[in-house]
Every structure is written in structure tokens, then in C-alpha cells.
Protein backbone atom coordinates (compact mmCIF):
# COMPACT_ATOMS: atom_id res chain seq x y z
CA MET A 1 -21.80 6.62 3.06
CA ALA A 2 -19.79 8.79 5.45
CA TRP A 3 -20.05 6.15 8.16
CA LEU A 4 -17.99 3.72 6.06
CA CYS A 5 -14.74 5.61 5.90
CA ARG A 6 -12.74 8.75 6.45
CA VAL A 7 -10.53 10.00 3.66
CA ALA A 8 -7.51 12.26 4.19
CA ARG A 9 -6.12 13.75 1.00
CA LEU A 10 -2.67 15.29 0.99
CA ALA A 11 -1.57 17.24 -2.07
CA PRO A 12 2.10 16.92 -3.03
CA SER A 13 2.78 20.54 -2.11
CA VAL A 14 1.22 20.31 1.37
CA ARG A 15 3.40 19.48 4.35
CA LEU A 16 2.33 18.26 7.75
CA ASP A 17 3.61 19.96 10.88
CA ALA A 18 7.00 18.28 11.17
CA ARG A 19 7.55 19.20 14.79
CA CYS A 20 4.18 17.82 15.84
CA ILE A 21 4.77 14.54 14.04
CA HIS A 22 8.30 14.13 15.29
CA ALA A 23 7.27 14.76 18.88
CA SER A 24 4.39 12.27 18.71
CA ALA A 25 6.51 9.66 16.98
CA SER A 26 9.44 10.00 19.34
CA GLU A 27 7.10 9.26 22.25
CA SER A 28 5.65 6.17 20.52
CA TYR A 29 8.18 4.55 18.19
CA GLN A 30 11.51 4.17 19.98
CA LYS A 31 12.07 0.73 18.44
CA VAL A 32 10.57 -0.35 15.14
CA ALA A 33 10.73 -3.97 13.96
CA MET A 34 10.10 -4.97 10.37
CA ILE A 35 9.51 -8.59 9.40
CA GLY A 36 10.09 -8.94 5.67
CA ALA A 37 12.68 -7.04 3.63
CA ASN A 38 10.70 -6.42 0.45
CA ILE A 39 9.92 -3.37 -1.67
CA MET A 40 7.13 -2.25 0.67
CA ALA A 41 9.49 -2.28 3.65
CA ASP A 42 11.93 -0.27 1.55
CA MET A 43 9.29 2.38 0.79
CA PHE A 44 8.14 2.63 4.41
CA ILE A 45 11.68 3.23 5.67
CA ALA A 46 12.37 5.73 2.89
CA ARG A 47 9.22 7.74 3.58
CA LEU A 48 8.98 7.47 7.36
CA GLY A 49 12.56 7.24 8.63
CA ASP A 50 15.01 10.05 9.28
CA GLY A 51 17.52 9.14 6.57
CA PRO A 52 17.80 10.22 2.93
CA SER A 53 15.32 8.67 0.52
CA PRO A 54 16.16 7.42 -2.98
CA TYR A 55 12.59 8.34 -3.91
CA GLU A 56 12.99 12.05 -3.20
CA LYS A 57 14.24 12.71 -6.72
CA HIS A 58 10.62 12.05 -7.73
CA ILE A 59 7.47 13.80 -6.55
CA SER A 60 7.50 14.03 -2.78
CA ASN A 61 5.83 15.87 0.10
CA ARG A 62 8.41 14.65 2.59
CA ALA A 63 10.55 17.15 4.48
CA GLY A 64 13.84 15.99 5.96
CA ASP A 65 12.72 16.22 9.61
CA GLU A 66 9.24 14.73 9.15
CA ALA A 67 10.31 11.37 10.52
CA PHE A 68 8.37 8.87 12.60
CA PHE A 69 11.42 6.93 13.69
CA ALA A 70 15.19 7.06 13.53
CA ASN A 71 16.57 4.60 11.00
CA SER A 72 19.06 3.46 13.63
CA ASP A 73 16.11 2.30 15.76
CA VAL A 74 14.79 -0.02 13.02
CA VAL A 75 15.51 -3.76 13.20
CA ILE A 76 14.83 -5.84 10.08
CA PHE A 77 14.32 -9.60 9.94
CA ASP A 78 13.83 -11.71 6.83
CA GLY A 79 14.12 -15.40 6.10
CA ASP A 80 16.73 -14.35 3.56
CA GLN A 81 19.38 -12.86 5.84
CA GLU A 82 21.33 -11.36 2.94
CA GLN A 83 18.23 -9.48 1.80
CA ALA A 84 17.60 -8.17 5.31
CA THR A 85 21.21 -7.06 5.65
CA ALA A 86 21.18 -5.34 2.27
CA LEU A 87 18.07 -3.32 3.14
CA ALA A 88 19.42 -2.46 6.59
CA ASP A 89 22.74 -1.30 5.15
CA ARG A 90 20.97 0.82 2.55
CA TYR A 91 19.21 2.93 5.18
CA GLY A 92 21.46 2.68 8.23
CA CYS A 93 19.17 0.25 10.06
CA ARG A 94 20.06 -2.96 11.87
CA SER A 95 19.32 -6.49 10.69
CA SER A 96 18.81 -9.50 12.92
CA SER A 97 18.98 -13.22 12.24
CA ASP A 98 16.76 -13.90 15.26
CA VAL A 99 13.09 -13.00 14.80
CA HIS A 100 12.48 -13.06 18.56
CA GLU A 101 15.29 -10.60 19.16
CA ALA A 102 13.96 -8.41 16.35
CA VAL A 103 10.48 -8.02 17.85
CA HIS A 104 11.59 -7.84 21.50
CA GLU A 105 10.30 -4.64 23.16
CA ALA A 106 9.33 -3.12 19.79
CA ASP A 107 6.92 -0.19 19.98
CA MET A 108 5.85 -0.74 16.36
CA LEU A 109 6.03 -4.03 14.47
CA PHE A 110 5.45 -4.10 10.71
CA PHE A 111 4.63 -7.34 8.89
CA PHE A 112 5.68 -7.17 5.23
CA LEU A 113 4.94 -10.80 4.41
CA LYS A 114 3.08 -13.20 2.17
CA PRO A 115 -0.18 -14.44 3.75
CA GLN A 116 1.08 -18.00 3.45
CA SER A 117 3.76 -17.18 6.05
CA VAL A 118 1.36 -15.95 8.72
CA PRO A 119 0.23 -19.13 10.53
CA SER A 120 3.72 -20.42 11.25
CA LEU A 121 5.11 -16.97 12.07
CA VAL A 122 2.46 -15.95 14.60
CA HIS A 123 2.75 -19.37 16.21
CA GLU A 124 6.51 -18.86 16.46
CA LEU A 125 6.19 -15.34 17.88
CA LYS A 126 3.37 -15.90 20.37
CA GLY A 127 4.62 -14.69 23.73
CA SER A 128 7.50 -12.72 22.21
CA VAL A 129 5.47 -9.67 21.18
CA SER A 130 4.58 -7.28 23.99
CA PRO A 131 0.87 -6.49 24.52
CA SER A 132 1.77 -2.80 24.17
CA THR A 133 3.31 -3.30 20.71
CA ILE A 134 1.31 -1.96 17.76
CA VAL A 135 1.38 -4.52 14.94
CA ALA A 136 0.75 -3.17 11.44
CA THR A 137 0.32 -5.51 8.49
CA THR A 138 0.34 -5.03 4.72
CA MET A 139 -0.68 -8.57 3.80
CA LEU A 140 -3.41 -9.49 1.34
CA GLY A 141 -6.35 -11.26 2.92
CA THR A 142 -4.84 -11.71 6.38
CA THR A 143 -7.36 -10.53 8.94
CA MET A 144 -6.65 -8.59 12.10
CA ALA A 145 -8.20 -11.43 14.11
CA GLN A 146 -5.70 -13.93 12.68
CA VAL A 147 -2.81 -11.72 13.79
CA ALA A 148 -4.26 -10.67 17.15
CA GLU A 149 -5.32 -14.14 18.20
CA GLY A 150 -2.15 -15.75 16.86
CA LEU A 151 0.14 -13.36 18.75
CA GLY A 152 -2.08 -12.96 21.81
CA ILE A 153 -2.29 -9.16 21.49
CA ASP A 154 -5.04 -6.63 20.81
CA LYS A 155 -3.30 -3.72 19.03
CA VAL A 156 -3.41 -4.54 15.31
CA ILE A 157 -3.63 -2.24 12.29
CA ARG A 158 -4.30 -3.71 8.87
CA THR A 159 -3.20 -1.59 5.91
CA MET A 160 -3.40 -1.92 2.14
CA PRO A 161 -0.91 0.53 0.58
CA ASN A 162 -0.01 0.71 -3.10
CA ASP A 163 2.86 1.26 -5.50
CA SER A 164 3.01 5.06 -5.39
CA SER A 165 3.65 5.25 -1.64
CA GLY A 166 7.37 5.66 -2.22
CA ILE A 167 6.85 9.06 -3.84
CA GLY A 168 4.15 10.22 -1.42
CA LEU A 169 1.29 9.77 -3.90
CA GLY A 170 0.08 6.38 -2.74
CA VAL A 171 -3.30 5.30 -1.43
CA THR A 172 -3.48 3.33 1.82
CA VAL A 173 -6.77 1.87 3.02
CA TRP A 174 -6.68 0.79 6.65
CA CYS A 175 -8.60 -0.31 9.71
CA THR A 176 -7.80 -1.13 13.33
CA THR A 177 -8.79 -3.39 16.19
CA PRO A 178 -10.61 -1.76 19.14
CA GLY A 179 -7.36 -2.01 21.12
CA ILE A 180 -5.87 0.93 19.20
CA SER A 181 -6.36 4.10 21.23
CA LYS A 182 -7.55 7.41 19.80
CA GLU A 183 -4.06 8.88 20.17
CA GLU A 184 -2.43 5.87 18.48
CA HIS A 185 -4.99 6.14 15.67
CA THR A 186 -4.18 9.82 15.15
CA VAL A 187 -0.41 9.27 15.05
CA PHE A 188 -0.71 6.35 12.65
CA ALA A 189 -3.01 8.35 10.36
CA ARG A 190 -0.33 11.04 10.16
CA LEU A 191 2.23 8.36 9.42
CA LEU A 192 0.16 7.05 6.51
CA GLN A 193 -0.36 10.54 5.15
CA GLN A 194 3.40 10.66 4.54
CA LEU A 195 2.76 7.90 2.00
CA GLY A 196 -0.06 9.83 0.29
CA THR A 197 -3.82 9.52 0.79
CA ASP A 198 -5.11 7.47 3.73
CA ILE A 199 -8.62 6.04 3.78
CA PHE A 200 -9.83 4.64 7.09
CA VAL A 201 -12.68 2.11 6.94
CA ASN A 202 -14.72 0.70 9.80
CA ASP A 203 -15.40 -2.66 8.16
CA GLU A 204 -12.41 -4.89 7.48
CA LYS A 205 -14.05 -6.47 4.42
CA PHE A 206 -13.27 -3.30 2.49
CA LEU A 207 -9.56 -4.16 2.68
CA ASP A 208 -10.24 -6.92 0.14
CA VAL A 209 -11.94 -4.33 -2.06
CA ALA A 210 -8.90 -2.08 -1.64
CA ALA A 211 -6.71 -4.96 -2.81
CA ALA A 212 -8.54 -4.82 -6.15
CA VAL A 213 -9.21 -1.10 -6.51
CA SER A 214 -6.09 0.61 -5.18
CA ALA A 215 -3.40 -1.97 -4.36
CA ALA A 216 -3.51 -4.07 -7.55
CA SER A 217 -4.83 -1.44 -9.93
CA PRO A 218 -1.46 0.23 -10.62
CA ALA A 219 -0.71 -2.96 -12.57
CA TYR A 220 -3.81 -2.35 -14.70
CA VAL A 221 -2.74 1.24 -15.27
CA TYR A 222 0.79 0.20 -16.25
CA LEU A 223 -0.68 -2.29 -18.72
CA ALA A 224 -2.89 0.40 -20.27
CA MET A 225 0.06 2.79 -20.49
CA GLU A 226 2.23 0.10 -22.02
CA SER A 227 -0.44 -0.72 -24.62
CA LEU A 228 -0.91 2.92 -25.61
CA THR A 229 2.84 3.43 -25.85
CA ASP A 230 3.18 0.39 -28.09
CA ALA A 231 0.33 1.66 -30.28
CA ALA A 232 2.04 5.04 -30.65
CA VAL A 233 5.31 3.35 -31.61
CA GLN A 234 3.47 1.29 -34.21
CA MET A 235 2.05 4.55 -35.59
CA GLY A 236 5.61 5.82 -36.06
CA LEU A 237 6.56 7.75 -32.91
CA PRO A 238 9.92 7.15 -31.23
CA ARG A 239 9.36 5.14 -28.04
CA ARG A 240 10.76 7.86 -25.76
CA THR A 241 8.35 10.41 -27.23
CA ALA A 242 5.44 7.99 -27.07
CA LEU A 243 6.17 7.16 -23.43
CA ALA A 244 6.38 10.85 -22.45
CA MET A 245 3.01 11.49 -24.10
CA VAL A 246 1.36 8.57 -22.32
CA GLN A 247 2.90 9.20 -18.90
CA ASN A 248 1.93 12.86 -18.82
CA THR A 249 -1.54 12.21 -20.23
CA PHE A 250 -2.32 9.71 -17.46
CA TYR A 251 -0.84 12.00 -14.83
CA GLY A 252 -2.81 15.02 -16.03
CA THR A 253 -6.05 13.08 -16.45
CA ALA A 254 -5.84 11.69 -12.92
CA ALA A 255 -5.14 15.17 -11.52
CA ASN A 256 -8.05 16.62 -13.48
CA ALA A 257 -10.42 13.87 -12.33
CA ARG A 258 -9.39 14.46 -8.72
CA GLN A 259 -9.79 18.23 -8.92
CA SER A 260 -13.11 18.26 -10.74
CA GLY A 261 -16.36 17.67 -8.90
CA ASP A 262 -18.04 16.22 -11.99
CA HIS A 263 -18.94 12.57 -12.47
CA LEU A 264 -16.30 10.68 -14.44
CA ALA A 265 -18.81 9.93 -17.19
CA ALA A 266 -19.55 13.65 -17.52
CA GLN A 267 -15.84 14.42 -17.80
CA ARG A 268 -15.47 11.76 -20.47
CA ASN A 269 -18.47 13.12 -22.39
CA ASN A 270 -17.01 16.63 -22.26
CA ILE A 271 -14.02 15.53 -24.35
CA THR A 272 -15.90 13.16 -26.68
CA SER A 273 -16.99 15.10 -29.76
CA PRO A 274 -19.69 13.60 -32.01
CA GLY A 275 -18.03 11.71 -34.84
CA GLY A 276 -14.58 12.46 -33.43
CA ALA A 277 -11.50 10.39 -32.67
CA SER A 278 -12.42 9.81 -29.02
CA ALA A 279 -15.90 8.59 -29.97
CA ALA A 280 -14.44 6.17 -32.52
CA ALA A 281 -11.93 4.79 -30.00
CA LEU A 282 -14.52 4.45 -27.24
CA TYR A 283 -16.85 2.54 -29.57
CA VAL A 284 -14.12 -0.01 -30.29
CA LEU A 285 -13.16 -0.30 -26.61
CA GLU A 286 -16.77 -0.82 -25.48
CA LYS A 287 -17.40 -3.31 -28.30
CA GLY A 288 -14.32 -5.24 -27.19
CA GLY A 289 -15.59 -5.49 -23.61
CA PHE A 290 -13.14 -3.02 -22.09
CA ARG A 291 -15.42 -2.02 -19.21
CA THR A 292 -16.54 -5.57 -18.42
CA THR A 293 -13.02 -6.95 -18.66
CA LEU A 294 -11.77 -4.34 -16.21
CA HIS A 295 -14.61 -5.23 -13.84
CA ASP A 296 -13.75 -8.93 -14.11
CA GLY A 297 -10.07 -8.24 -13.45
CA ALA A 298 -10.89 -6.24 -10.33
CA PHE A 299 -13.17 -9.00 -9.03
CA ALA A 300 -10.44 -11.57 -9.71
CA ALA A 301 -8.05 -9.52 -7.55
CA HIS A 302 -10.72 -9.20 -4.84
CA ASP A 303 -11.39 -12.95 -4.81
CA THR A 304 -7.68 -13.76 -4.70
CA SER A 305 -7.29 -11.55 -1.64
CA ILE A 306 -10.02 -13.56 0.09
CA GLN A 307 -8.39 -16.82 -1.00
CA LEU A 308 -5.04 -15.81 0.42
CA GLY A 309 -6.69 -14.88 3.70
CA ALA A 310 -8.32 -18.30 3.82
CA ILE A 311 -4.89 -19.91 3.46
CA GLY A 312 -3.82 -18.07 6.59
CA GLN A 313 -6.75 -19.69 8.38
CA GLY A 314 -5.93 -23.10 6.97
CA GLU A 315 -9.05 -23.34 4.82
CA LEU A 316 -10.46 -22.27 1.47
CA PRO A 317 -13.99 -20.94 0.85
CA ASP A 318 -16.25 -23.22 -1.19
CA GLY A 319 -15.69 -22.97 -4.91
CA TYR A 320 -12.24 -21.42 -4.70
CA ALA A 321 -9.27 -22.95 -6.46
CA SER A 322 -6.36 -24.26 -4.46
CA ASN A 323 -3.66 -23.52 -7.05
CA LEU A 324 -2.91 -20.03 -5.80
CA PRO A 325 0.01 -17.86 -6.94
CA ASP A 326 3.13 -17.72 -4.82
CA SER A 327 3.18 -13.91 -4.72
CA SER A 328 1.15 -11.71 -2.38
CA TYR A 329 0.42 -9.13 -5.07
């Protein structure tokens, strides 16, 4: 399956060549525009800009000079001007109340939006975005063709990052239009590696899979952690102790699964003793449909990503409901 994707893994202790990145970025990203002042925009500025990051008190592979742009070169626009101003002030960026002014002569344009906003926005911005501008999106379901055709450009990168990007342990699945050059591809890959692991795919349909498997799945993990913590409290542990046990168990298990070359089922069998506590718990979980329920949840996320993309095209696939959630995630 090597033809499907390329995966770059970056351990927390490994640093990229800061001088190489800074030189490449300074040649490419003299002005960065961000449309949407949400949590994802916050994480991108924190990880990729040259200012201090509130996330650095957590796990991080970011060095101070490994920046892809100067925060002072970032212009932020949001329909909520107060929100845009607050984010800009937090990082020493600039906010704008005029979306055309924000994107004018930008080298890199990030869309941190809900898919429902795309049709009207690209219509509004057509002719304002330079053909040389690289447009990167983080929107569920919104295809590169929708953005490229709507803006009249050919340099589009579609990304699907997740919740851990702020601490450099995220997963970002991405793909590009043919208009992205080899050099631009290389620089952007390095940019994404500052967020954690980047996985490049040749087929855009896998971005909808990423929505279910990596982008939405932190919510499933949080729910599992919350449930285990509550169970431990019910068994008599103080909540702080229970939470520490659960957090570190999930962290260690994920690290072990990543380091080991064994199949996940083999790793699970290695710690499941006949007649033991793990075997008893797994029996109850399987009997309750744990595996199937998780599958169904992932497919629901996948289908919602496709639905939201259809909204951006002004249509819904046959059999899909029209009462979609207001949120992108």
C-alpha cells in the first residue's frame, strides 16, 4: 500500500534543522493570512510562528527559532472581529476587519472555517487571492476542487490535523493539487512535522477517512478515559489519582503500540492471561458490542465529513440527512 501515502514520524525528542526550515520559510511565507480565529488557528500560530507558545509547558519538539513565519507577518480575519483581535493580540499578529485586505498578496492563506461557510466565502474572495498564493484548508469534507475552482487558483493543500497538534504530537493527513511544486510540497511537509506526524495521501477521499480515524478519534479516546476514571472513582479512588492512572496508562500504551512491530491483537493477547482480570473485562466489552460500536462511530464521523462537503457543493448525497450539526468537528 506504499503508493497510497507517505508517513513522516517525528518523535518528541527529535528536532528538525531549524536553520534549513527558517531559510525555506522566509523565502516563501512573508505574509500569512488566516481566515477563522478558532482553536486550530491558535495551535498553528503557536507551533509555527516565532513567538512564545502557551503549549510549550507540555510535550513539545519545537525549538524557539524553528519558525515558518514571523507572528508580525500574520493577518487574521474572522466574522467575529473581537475574536480575531483577541487571537491577534495574544500572539503579536495583526487582525483585519476586511477579508480582502487580509488575503491581499498573502504567500500562504489558511482557511480555518466551517464547511458551510465555504461557498459564500470563495465567491466573495474570487479575484482577490493571487494565483501564486498557497491556500491550505482544515475543513471537514471541503474538497480541493471546491476551493480551487471557487477562488480561481491552482495551489491548494487540504489538511486534516487533530487535537494534539498544539503539543507537537498531532497527526495531520494531507494532500495537494497538482499546482503545488515539489519545493512547496517539501516545505509544507516540514511545516506539518512541527505539529507532529504528517501523512501524505495521493487520493483525496482518504481525508474523509482521516476525519474519522485521526481528527475525530481524540473525542473517542477522551470518552474512554473519562469512563475509566469514573469507574475508578466508583471503586473508591480519589479522582486525581484515578485520572493520573488513566492518563499515563493511555500514554504508555500508545507509545508501546507505536514502538512495537507486533500486531495490535498480538500485543493485547500478550497481556491477557487465561482466567485473568483482562480476559474478564474483554469478555464484557465484546459482549456489549464495544468493537462494533467503535466501528459504527467511526463510520458516522466519516459519513458526516462527506455530508459537510456536499453542503459546500450545494447538494446532499442520496440517503443523507439534512439536519446536520452546526459544528465542523
